[in-house]
Full PDB file with SEQRES, HELIX, SHEET, SSBOND, CRYST1, ORIGX, SCALE, CONECT and MASTER records, all heavy atoms in Angstrom:
SEQRES   1 A   35  GLY GLU VAL ASP THR PRO ILE LEU ASP ALA ARG PRO VAL          
SEQRES   2 A   35  LYS VAL SER ASP GLU HIS ARG ALA ARG ILE LEU GLN PRO          
SEQRES   3 A   35  GLU ASP VAL ALA ALA ALA VAL LEU MET                          
HELIX    1 AA1 PRO A    6  ALA A   10  5                                   5    
HELIX    2 AA2 ASP A   17  ARG A   22  1                                   6    
HELIX    3 AA3 PRO A   26  LEU A   34  1                                   9    
CRYST1    1.000    1.000    1.000  90.00  90.00  90.00 P 1           1          
ORIGX1      1.000000  0.000000  0.000000        0.00000                         
ORIGX2      0.000000  1.000000  0.000000        0.00000                         
ORIGX3      0.000000  0.000000  1.000000        0.00000                         
SCALE1      1.000000  0.000000  0.000000        0.00000                         
SCALE2      0.000000  1.000000  0.000000        0.00000                         
SCALE3      0.000000  0.000000  1.000000        0.00000                         
ATOM      1  N   GLY A   1     -77.459  26.941  56.542  1.00  0.00           N  
ATOM      2  CA  GLY A   1     -78.794  26.394  56.361  1.00  0.00           C  
ATOM      3  C   GLY A   1     -79.522  27.204  55.306  1.00  0.00           C  
ATOM      4  O   GLY A   1     -78.904  27.702  54.351  1.00  0.00           O  
ATOM      5  N   GLU A   2     -80.813  27.356  55.463  1.00  0.00           N  
ATOM      6  CA  GLU A   2     -81.592  28.077  54.461  1.00  0.00           C  
ATOM      7  C   GLU A   2     -81.217  29.559  54.440  1.00  0.00           C  
ATOM      8  O   GLU A   2     -81.179  30.218  55.479  1.00  0.00           O  
ATOM      9  CB  GLU A   2     -83.077  27.951  54.750  1.00  0.00           C  
ATOM     10  CG  GLU A   2     -83.651  26.565  54.493  1.00  0.00           C  
ATOM     11  CD  GLU A   2     -85.160  26.570  54.615  1.00  0.00           C  
ATOM     12  OE1 GLU A   2     -85.655  26.569  55.754  1.00  0.00           O  
ATOM     13  OE2 GLU A   2     -85.848  26.593  53.566  1.00  0.00           O  
ATOM     14  N   VAL A   3     -80.933  30.068  53.244  1.00  0.00           N  
ATOM     15  CA  VAL A   3     -80.569  31.472  53.059  1.00  0.00           C  
ATOM     16  C   VAL A   3     -81.450  32.045  51.943  1.00  0.00           C  
ATOM     17  O   VAL A   3     -81.693  31.381  50.932  1.00  0.00           O  
ATOM     18  CB  VAL A   3     -79.076  31.627  52.675  1.00  0.00           C  
ATOM     19  CG1 VAL A   3     -78.688  33.106  52.661  1.00  0.00           C  
ATOM     20  CG2 VAL A   3     -78.180  30.852  53.634  1.00  0.00           C  
ATOM     21  N   ASP A   4     -81.866  33.275  52.131  1.00  0.00           N  
ATOM     22  CA  ASP A   4     -82.710  33.933  51.134  1.00  0.00           C  
ATOM     23  C   ASP A   4     -81.859  34.398  49.960  1.00  0.00           C  
ATOM     24  O   ASP A   4     -81.377  35.529  49.929  1.00  0.00           O  
ATOM     25  CB  ASP A   4     -83.439  35.120  51.771  1.00  0.00           C  
ATOM     26  CG  ASP A   4     -84.394  35.812  50.798  1.00  0.00           C  
ATOM     27  OD1 ASP A   4     -84.669  35.230  49.734  1.00  0.00           O  
ATOM     28  OD2 ASP A   4     -84.842  36.927  51.112  1.00  0.00           O  
ATOM     29  N   THR A   5     -81.661  33.512  48.996  1.00  0.00           N  
ATOM     30  CA  THR A   5     -80.880  33.806  47.802  1.00  0.00           C  
ATOM     31  C   THR A   5     -81.632  33.294  46.574  1.00  0.00           C  
ATOM     32  O   THR A   5     -82.608  32.548  46.707  1.00  0.00           O  
ATOM     33  CB  THR A   5     -79.495  33.125  47.854  1.00  0.00           C  
ATOM     34  OG1 THR A   5     -79.668  31.706  47.694  1.00  0.00           O  
ATOM     35  CG2 THR A   5     -78.781  33.407  49.171  1.00  0.00           C  
ATOM     36  N   PRO A   6     -81.157  33.637  45.366  1.00  0.00           N  
ATOM     37  CA  PRO A   6     -81.836  33.164  44.157  1.00  0.00           C  
ATOM     38  C   PRO A   6     -81.894  31.650  43.998  1.00  0.00           C  
ATOM     39  O   PRO A   6     -82.717  31.152  43.219  1.00  0.00           O  
ATOM     40  CB  PRO A   6     -81.001  33.803  43.038  1.00  0.00           C  
ATOM     41  CG  PRO A   6     -80.457  35.051  43.643  1.00  0.00           C  
ATOM     42  CD  PRO A   6     -80.145  34.672  45.063  1.00  0.00           C  
ATOM     43  N   ILE A   7     -81.065  30.895  44.737  1.00  0.00           N  
ATOM     44  CA  ILE A   7     -81.109  29.441  44.605  1.00  0.00           C  
ATOM     45  C   ILE A   7     -82.450  28.891  45.087  1.00  0.00           C  
ATOM     46  O   ILE A   7     -82.869  27.801  44.687  1.00  0.00           O  
ATOM     47  CB  ILE A   7     -79.930  28.775  45.361  1.00  0.00           C  
ATOM     48  CG1 ILE A   7     -79.668  27.364  44.802  1.00  0.00           C  
ATOM     49  CG2 ILE A   7     -80.179  28.725  46.860  1.00  0.00           C  
ATOM     50  CD1 ILE A   7     -78.378  26.731  45.305  1.00  0.00           C  
ATOM     51  N   LEU A   8     -83.167  29.666  45.911  1.00  0.00           N  
ATOM     52  CA  LEU A   8     -84.495  29.235  46.356  1.00  0.00           C  
ATOM     53  C   LEU A   8     -85.484  29.168  45.201  1.00  0.00           C  
ATOM     54  O   LEU A   8     -86.487  28.454  45.270  1.00  0.00           O  
ATOM     55  CB  LEU A   8     -85.031  30.187  47.432  1.00  0.00           C  
ATOM     56  CG  LEU A   8     -84.314  30.216  48.788  1.00  0.00           C  
ATOM     57  CD1 LEU A   8     -85.065  31.132  49.745  1.00  0.00           C  
ATOM     58  CD2 LEU A   8     -84.176  28.825  49.382  1.00  0.00           C  
ATOM     59  N   ASP A   9     -85.193  29.904  44.139  1.00  0.00           N  
ATOM     60  CA  ASP A   9     -86.078  29.882  42.980  1.00  0.00           C  
ATOM     61  C   ASP A   9     -86.082  28.524  42.290  1.00  0.00           C  
ATOM     62  O   ASP A   9     -86.979  28.240  41.478  1.00  0.00           O  
ATOM     63  CB  ASP A   9     -85.675  30.974  41.981  1.00  0.00           C  
ATOM     64  CG  ASP A   9     -85.826  32.379  42.560  1.00  0.00           C  
ATOM     65  OD1 ASP A   9     -86.649  32.544  43.484  1.00  0.00           O  
ATOM     66  OD2 ASP A   9     -85.113  33.288  42.104  1.00  0.00           O  
ATOM     67  N   ALA A  10     -85.076  27.690  42.604  1.00  0.00           N  
ATOM     68  CA  ALA A  10     -85.018  26.354  42.013  1.00  0.00           C  
ATOM     69  C   ALA A  10     -85.737  25.311  42.865  1.00  0.00           C  
ATOM     70  O   ALA A  10     -85.696  24.122  42.553  1.00  0.00           O  
ATOM     71  CB  ALA A  10     -83.562  25.930  41.810  1.00  0.00           C  
ATOM     72  N   ARG A  11     -86.395  25.748  43.937  1.00  0.00           N  
ATOM     73  CA  ARG A  11     -87.164  24.814  44.772  1.00  0.00           C  
ATOM     74  C   ARG A  11     -88.371  24.287  43.982  1.00  0.00           C  
ATOM     75  O   ARG A  11     -89.011  25.039  43.237  1.00  0.00           O  
ATOM     76  CB  ARG A  11     -87.658  25.511  46.045  1.00  0.00           C  
ATOM     77  CG  ARG A  11     -86.568  25.819  47.061  1.00  0.00           C  
ATOM     78  CD  ARG A  11     -86.501  24.737  48.118  1.00  0.00           C  
ATOM     79  NE  ARG A  11     -85.421  25.007  49.064  1.00  0.00           N  
ATOM     80  CZ  ARG A  11     -85.602  25.577  50.257  1.00  0.00           C  
ATOM     81  NH1 ARG A  11     -86.802  25.949  50.637  1.00  0.00           N  
ATOM     82  NH2 ARG A  11     -84.577  25.744  51.060  1.00  0.00           N  
ATOM     83  N   PRO A  12     -88.726  23.023  44.168  1.00  0.00           N  
ATOM     84  CA  PRO A  12     -89.901  22.489  43.472  1.00  0.00           C  
ATOM     85  C   PRO A  12     -91.208  23.136  43.922  1.00  0.00           C  
ATOM     86  O   PRO A  12     -92.182  23.153  43.181  1.00  0.00           O  
ATOM     87  CB  PRO A  12     -89.872  20.991  43.826  1.00  0.00           C  
ATOM     88  CG  PRO A  12     -88.979  20.881  45.008  1.00  0.00           C  
ATOM     89  CD  PRO A  12     -88.001  21.997  44.926  1.00  0.00           C  
ATOM     90  N   VAL A  13     -91.232  23.670  45.163  1.00  0.00           N  
ATOM     91  CA  VAL A  13     -92.401  24.376  45.686  1.00  0.00           C  
ATOM     92  C   VAL A  13     -91.995  25.814  45.967  1.00  0.00           C  
ATOM     93  O   VAL A  13     -90.964  26.059  46.619  1.00  0.00           O  
ATOM     94  CB  VAL A  13     -92.939  23.714  46.971  1.00  0.00           C  
ATOM     95  CG1 VAL A  13     -94.122  24.502  47.524  1.00  0.00           C  
ATOM     96  CG2 VAL A  13     -93.333  22.263  46.702  1.00  0.00           C  
ATOM     97  N   LYS A  14     -92.772  26.763  45.486  1.00  0.00           N  
ATOM     98  CA  LYS A  14     -92.450  28.180  45.651  1.00  0.00           C  
ATOM     99  C   LYS A  14     -92.285  28.539  47.123  1.00  0.00           C  
ATOM    100  O   LYS A  14     -93.082  28.134  47.970  1.00  0.00           O  
ATOM    101  CB  LYS A  14     -93.534  29.053  45.014  1.00  0.00           C  
ATOM    102  CG  LYS A  14     -93.282  30.554  45.129  1.00  0.00           C  
ATOM    103  CD  LYS A  14     -94.360  31.346  44.426  1.00  0.00           C  
ATOM    104  CE  LYS A  14     -94.228  32.844  44.670  1.00  0.00           C  
ATOM    105  NZ  LYS A  14     -92.937  33.367  44.212  1.00  0.00           N  
ATOM    106  N   VAL A  15     -91.237  29.315  47.428  1.00  0.00           N  
ATOM    107  CA  VAL A  15     -90.958  29.749  48.799  1.00  0.00           C  
ATOM    108  C   VAL A  15     -91.676  31.073  49.039  1.00  0.00           C  
ATOM    109  O   VAL A  15     -91.514  32.028  48.270  1.00  0.00           O  
ATOM    110  CB  VAL A  15     -89.441  29.912  49.022  1.00  0.00           C  
ATOM    111  CG1 VAL A  15     -89.161  30.372  50.448  1.00  0.00           C  
ATOM    112  CG2 VAL A  15     -88.718  28.601  48.729  1.00  0.00           C  
ATOM    113  N   SER A  16     -92.436  31.157  50.110  1.00  0.00           N  
ATOM    114  CA  SER A  16     -93.217  32.351  50.389  1.00  0.00           C  
ATOM    115  C   SER A  16     -92.333  33.492  50.887  1.00  0.00           C  
ATOM    116  O   SER A  16     -91.228  33.265  51.400  1.00  0.00           O  
ATOM    117  CB  SER A  16     -94.285  32.053  51.445  1.00  0.00           C  
ATOM    118  OG  SER A  16     -93.683  31.818  52.715  1.00  0.00           O  
ATOM    119  N   ASP A  17     -92.841  34.698  50.773  1.00  0.00           N  
ATOM    120  CA  ASP A  17     -92.126  35.869  51.293  1.00  0.00           C  
ATOM    121  C   ASP A  17     -91.947  35.771  52.805  1.00  0.00           C  
ATOM    122  O   ASP A  17     -90.929  36.198  53.345  1.00  0.00           O  
ATOM    123  CB  ASP A  17     -92.878  37.151  50.938  1.00  0.00           C  
ATOM    124  CG  ASP A  17     -92.853  37.453  49.451  1.00  0.00           C  
ATOM    125  OD1 ASP A  17     -91.967  36.906  48.759  1.00  0.00           O  
ATOM    126  OD2 ASP A  17     -93.711  38.227  48.987  1.00  0.00           O  
ATOM    127  N   GLU A  18     -92.940  35.222  53.489  1.00  0.00           N  
ATOM    128  CA  GLU A  18     -92.860  35.062  54.940  1.00  0.00           C  
ATOM    129  C   GLU A  18     -91.734  34.114  55.326  1.00  0.00           C  
ATOM    130  O   GLU A  18     -90.993  34.365  56.288  1.00  0.00           O  
ATOM    131  CB  GLU A  18     -94.197  34.545  55.492  1.00  0.00           C  
ATOM    132  CG  GLU A  18     -95.347  35.518  55.396  1.00  0.00           C  
ATOM    133  CD  GLU A  18     -95.953  35.587  53.989  1.00  0.00           C  
ATOM    134  OE1 GLU A  18     -95.602  34.737  53.140  1.00  0.00           O  
ATOM    135  OE2 GLU A  18     -96.753  36.510  53.743  1.00  0.00           O  
ATOM    136  N   HIS A  19     -91.593  33.039  54.577  1.00  0.00           N  
ATOM    137  CA  HIS A  19     -90.522  32.080  54.852  1.00  0.00           C  
ATOM    138  C   HIS A  19     -89.155  32.713  54.588  1.00  0.00           C  
ATOM    139  O   HIS A  19     -88.217  32.552  55.377  1.00  0.00           O  
ATOM    140  CB  HIS A  19     -90.690  30.825  53.990  1.00  0.00           C  
ATOM    141  CG  HIS A  19     -89.709  29.743  54.306  1.00  0.00           C  
ATOM    142  ND1 HIS A  19     -89.881  28.850  55.350  1.00  0.00           N  
ATOM    143  CD2 HIS A  19     -88.527  29.413  53.731  1.00  0.00           C  
ATOM    144  CE1 HIS A  19     -88.857  28.025  55.391  1.00  0.00           C  
ATOM    145  NE2 HIS A  19     -88.021  28.337  54.417  1.00  0.00           N  
ATOM    146  N   ARG A  20     -89.049  33.437  53.483  1.00  0.00           N  
ATOM    147  CA  ARG A  20     -87.785  34.102  53.160  1.00  0.00           C  
ATOM    148  C   ARG A  20     -87.366  35.069  54.266  1.00  0.00           C  
ATOM    149  O   ARG A  20     -86.184  35.217  54.557  1.00  0.00           O  
ATOM    150  CB  ARG A  20     -87.911  34.857  51.832  1.00  0.00           C  
ATOM    151  CG  ARG A  20     -87.929  33.958  50.593  1.00  0.00           C  
ATOM    152  CD  ARG A  20     -88.100  34.790  49.337  1.00  0.00           C  
ATOM    153  NE  ARG A  20     -88.120  33.981  48.127  1.00  0.00           N  
ATOM    154  CZ  ARG A  20     -87.054  33.698  47.382  1.00  0.00           C  
ATOM    155  NH1 ARG A  20     -85.870  34.168  47.739  1.00  0.00           N  
ATOM    156  NH2 ARG A  20     -87.151  32.958  46.300  1.00  0.00           N  
ATOM    157  N   ALA A  21     -88.340  35.727  54.879  1.00  0.00           N  
ATOM    158  CA  ALA A  21     -88.030  36.703  55.928  1.00  0.00           C  
ATOM    159  C   ALA A  21     -87.541  36.035  57.208  1.00  0.00           C  
ATOM    160  O   ALA A  21     -86.817  36.649  57.992  1.00  0.00           O  
ATOM    161  CB  ALA A  21     -89.260  37.550  56.228  1.00  0.00           C  
ATOM    162  N   ARG A  22     -87.925  34.760  57.422  1.00  0.00           N  
ATOM    163  CA  ARG A  22     -87.553  34.051  58.652  1.00  0.00           C  
ATOM    164  C   ARG A  22     -86.161  33.442  58.592  1.00  0.00           C  
ATOM    165  O   ARG A  22     -85.547  33.177  59.623  1.00  0.00           O  
ATOM    166  CB  ARG A  22     -88.558  32.928  58.946  1.00  0.00           C  
ATOM    167  CG  ARG A  22     -89.896  33.383  59.466  1.00  0.00           C  
ATOM    168  CD  ARG A  22     -90.657  32.200  60.064  1.00  0.00           C  
ATOM    169  NE  ARG A  22     -90.870  31.128  59.090  1.00  0.00           N  
ATOM    170  CZ  ARG A  22     -91.943  31.034  58.300  1.00  0.00           C  
ATOM    171  NH1 ARG A  22     -92.891  31.956  58.379  1.00  0.00           N  
ATOM    172  NH2 ARG A  22     -92.076  30.027  57.462  1.00  0.00           N  
ATOM    173  N   ILE A  23     -85.685  33.171  57.385  1.00  0.00           N  
ATOM    174  CA  ILE A  23     -84.426  32.430  57.258  1.00  0.00           C  
ATOM    175  C   ILE A  23     -83.237  33.384  57.188  1.00  0.00           C  
ATOM    176  O   ILE A  23     -83.378  34.600  57.287  1.00  0.00           O  
ATOM    177  CB  ILE A  23     -84.473  31.495  56.024  1.00  0.00           C  
ATOM    178  CG1 ILE A  23     -84.665  32.299  54.723  1.00  0.00           C  
ATOM    179  CG2 ILE A  23     -85.580  30.461  56.198  1.00  0.00           C  
ATOM    180  CD1 ILE A  23     -84.694  31.440  53.470  1.00  0.00           C  
ATOM    181  N   LEU A  24     -82.044  32.828  57.050  1.00  0.00           N  
ATOM    182  CA  LEU A  24     -80.841  33.651  56.984  1.00  0.00           C  
ATOM    183  C   LEU A  24     -80.867  34.573  55.772  1.00  0.00           C  
ATOM    184  O   LEU A  24     -81.435  34.236  54.729  1.00  0.00           O  
ATOM    185  CB  LEU A  24     -79.591  32.768  56.899  1.00  0.00           C  
ATOM    186  CG  LEU A  24     -79.273  31.870  58.089  1.00  0.00           C  
ATOM    187  CD1 LEU A  24     -78.072  30.987  57.747  1.00  0.00           C  
ATOM    188  CD2 LEU A  24     -79.009  32.670  59.348  1.00  0.00           C  
ATOM    189  N   GLN A  25     -80.199  35.701  55.908  1.00  0.00           N  
ATOM    190  CA  GLN A  25     -79.962  36.615  54.803  1.00  0.00           C  
ATOM    191  C   GLN A  25     -78.487  36.508  54.397  1.00  0.00           C  
ATOM    192  O   GLN A  25     -77.643  36.094  55.206  1.00  0.00           O  
ATOM    193  CB  GLN A  25     -80.317  38.045  55.201  1.00  0.00           C  
ATOM    194  CG  GLN A  25     -81.777  38.218  55.617  1.00  0.00           C  
ATOM    195  CD  GLN A  25     -82.762  37.799  54.537  1.00  0.00           C  
ATOM    196  OE1 GLN A  25     -82.694  38.284  53.401  1.00  0.00           O  
ATOM    197  NE2 GLN A  25     -83.685  36.892  54.873  1.00  0.00           N  
ATOM    198  N   PRO A  26     -78.148  36.864  53.157  1.00  0.00           N  
ATOM    199  CA  PRO A  26     -76.752  36.743  52.724  1.00  0.00           C  
ATOM    200  C   PRO A  26     -75.767  37.445  53.647  1.00  0.00           C  
ATOM    201  O   PRO A  26     -74.651  36.954  53.875  1.00  0.00           O  
ATOM    202  CB  PRO A  26     -76.761  37.374  51.329  1.00  0.00           C  
ATOM    203  CG  PRO A  26     -78.144  37.132  50.830  1.00  0.00           C  
ATOM    204  CD  PRO A  26     -79.023  37.266  52.037  1.00  0.00           C  
ATOM    205  N   GLU A  27     -76.174  38.592  54.211  1.00  0.00           N  
ATOM    206  CA  GLU A  27     -75.253  39.327  55.073  1.00  0.00           C  
ATOM    207  C   GLU A  27     -74.955  38.584  56.379  1.00  0.00           C  
ATOM    208  O   GLU A  27     -73.925  38.826  57.012  1.00  0.00           O  
ATOM    209  CB  GLU A  27     -75.800  40.726  55.378  1.00  0.00           C  
ATOM    210  CG  GLU A  27     -77.168  40.776  56.003  1.00  0.00           C  
ATOM    211  CD  GLU A  27     -78.289  40.939  54.996  1.00  0.00           C  
ATOM    212  OE1 GLU A  27     -78.133  40.493  53.842  1.00  0.00           O  
ATOM    213  OE2 GLU A  27     -79.332  41.529  55.383  1.00  0.00           O  
ATOM    214  N   ASP A  28     -75.846  37.668  56.783  1.00  0.00           N  
ATOM    215  CA  ASP A  28     -75.582  36.874  57.983  1.00  0.00           C  
ATOM    216  C   ASP A  28     -74.422  35.912  57.745  1.00  0.00           C  
ATOM    217  O   ASP A  28     -73.519  35.782  58.577  1.00  0.00           O  
ATOM    218  CB  ASP A  28     -76.827  36.078  58.383  1.00  0.00           C  
ATOM    219  CG  ASP A  28     -78.033  36.963  58.649  1.00  0.00           C  
ATOM    220  OD1 ASP A  28     -77.843  38.106  59.094  1.00  0.00           O  
ATOM    221  OD2 ASP A  28     -79.166  36.506  58.399  1.00  0.00           O  
ATOM    222  N   VAL A  29     -74.459  35.233  56.611  1.00  0.00           N  
ATOM    223  CA  VAL A  29     -73.364  34.320  56.267  1.00  0.00           C  
ATOM    224  C   VAL A  29     -72.087  35.118  56.010  1.00  0.00           C  
ATOM    225  O   VAL A  29     -70.988  34.709  56.405  1.00  0.00           O  
ATOM    226  CB  VAL A  29     -73.726  33.467  55.039  1.00  0.00           C  
ATOM    227  CG1 VAL A  29     -72.608  32.475  54.726  1.00  0.00           C  
ATOM    228  CG2 VAL A  29     -75.039  32.726  55.271  1.00  0.00           C  
ATOM    229  N   ALA A  30     -72.230  36.274  55.373  1.00  0.00           N  
ATOM    230  CA  ALA A  30     -71.060  37.122  55.102  1.00  0.00           C  
ATOM    231  C   ALA A  30     -70.369  37.532  56.393  1.00  0.00           C  
ATOM    232  O   ALA A  30     -69.126  37.556  56.463  1.00  0.00           O  
ATOM    233  CB  ALA A  30     -71.483  38.359  54.310  1.00  0.00           C  
ATOM    234  N   ALA A  31     -71.142  37.831  57.427  1.00  0.00           N  
ATOM    235  CA  ALA A  31     -70.550  38.228  58.705  1.00  0.00           C  
ATOM    236  C   ALA A  31     -69.740  37.084  59.305  1.00  0.00           C  
ATOM    237  O   ALA A  31     -68.661  37.297  59.885  1.00  0.00           O  
ATOM    238  CB  ALA A  31     -71.645  38.663  59.673  1.00  0.00           C  
ATOM    239  N   ALA A  32     -70.237  35.853  59.160  1.00  0.00           N  
ATOM    240  CA  ALA A  32     -69.511  34.697  59.675  1.00  0.00           C  
ATOM    241  C   ALA A  32     -68.209  34.474  58.904  1.00  0.00           C  
ATOM    242  O   ALA A  32     -67.156  34.189  59.489  1.00  0.00           O  
ATOM    243  CB  ALA A  32     -70.391  33.451  59.608  1.00  0.00           C  
ATOM    244  N   VAL A  33     -68.278  34.605  57.583  1.00  0.00           N  
ATOM    245  CA  VAL A  33     -67.080  34.423  56.763  1.00  0.00           C  
ATOM    246  C   VAL A  33     -66.065  35.527  57.037  1.00  0.00           C  
ATOM    247  O   VAL A  33     -64.850  35.279  57.090  1.00  0.00           O  
ATOM    248  CB  VAL A  33     -67.452  34.372  55.271  1.00  0.00           C  
ATOM    249  CG1 VAL A  33     -66.199  34.332  54.389  1.00  0.00           C  
ATOM    250  CG2 VAL A  33     -68.342  33.162  54.984  1.00  0.00           C  
ATOM    251  N   LEU A  34     -66.546  36.751  57.242  1.00  0.00           N  
ATOM    252  CA  LEU A  34     -65.646  37.856  57.572  1.00  0.00           C  
ATOM    253  C   LEU A  34     -64.918  37.587  58.883  1.00  0.00           C  
ATOM    254  O   LEU A  34     -63.712  37.856  59.002  1.00  0.00           O  
ATOM    255  CB  LEU A  34     -66.435  39.163  57.659  1.00  0.00           C  
ATOM    256  CG  LEU A  34     -65.643  40.421  58.037  1.00  0.00           C  
ATOM    257  CD1 LEU A  34     -64.546  40.709  57.014  1.00  0.00           C  
ATOM    258  CD2 LEU A  34     -66.586  41.618  58.169  1.00  0.00           C  
ATOM    259  N   MET A  35     -65.616  37.073  59.877  1.00  0.00           N  
ATOM    260  CA  MET A  35     -64.984  36.728  61.147  1.00  0.00           C  
ATOM    261  C   MET A  35     -63.845  35.742  60.933  1.00  0.00           C  
ATOM    262  O   MET A  35     -62.744  35.902  61.471  1.00  0.00           O  
ATOM    263  CB  MET A  35     -66.024  36.145  62.109  1.00  0.00           C  
ATOM    264  CG  MET A  35     -65.468  35.696  63.459  1.00  0.00           C  
ATOM    265  SD  MET A  35     -64.806  33.992  63.470  1.00  0.00           S  
ATOM    266  CE  MET A  35     -66.288  33.024  63.176  1.00  0.00           C  
TER     267      MET A  35                                                      
MASTER        0    0    0    3    0    0    0    6  266    1    0    3          
END                                                                             
């Protein structure tokens, strides 16, 4: 789902810092792929 990565910069509406903090971080997806 939503992950705090540079692809968010291509959103038509700017993503707030608060929203970025609530969503997945790259290391969360990395942990799943590592499993």
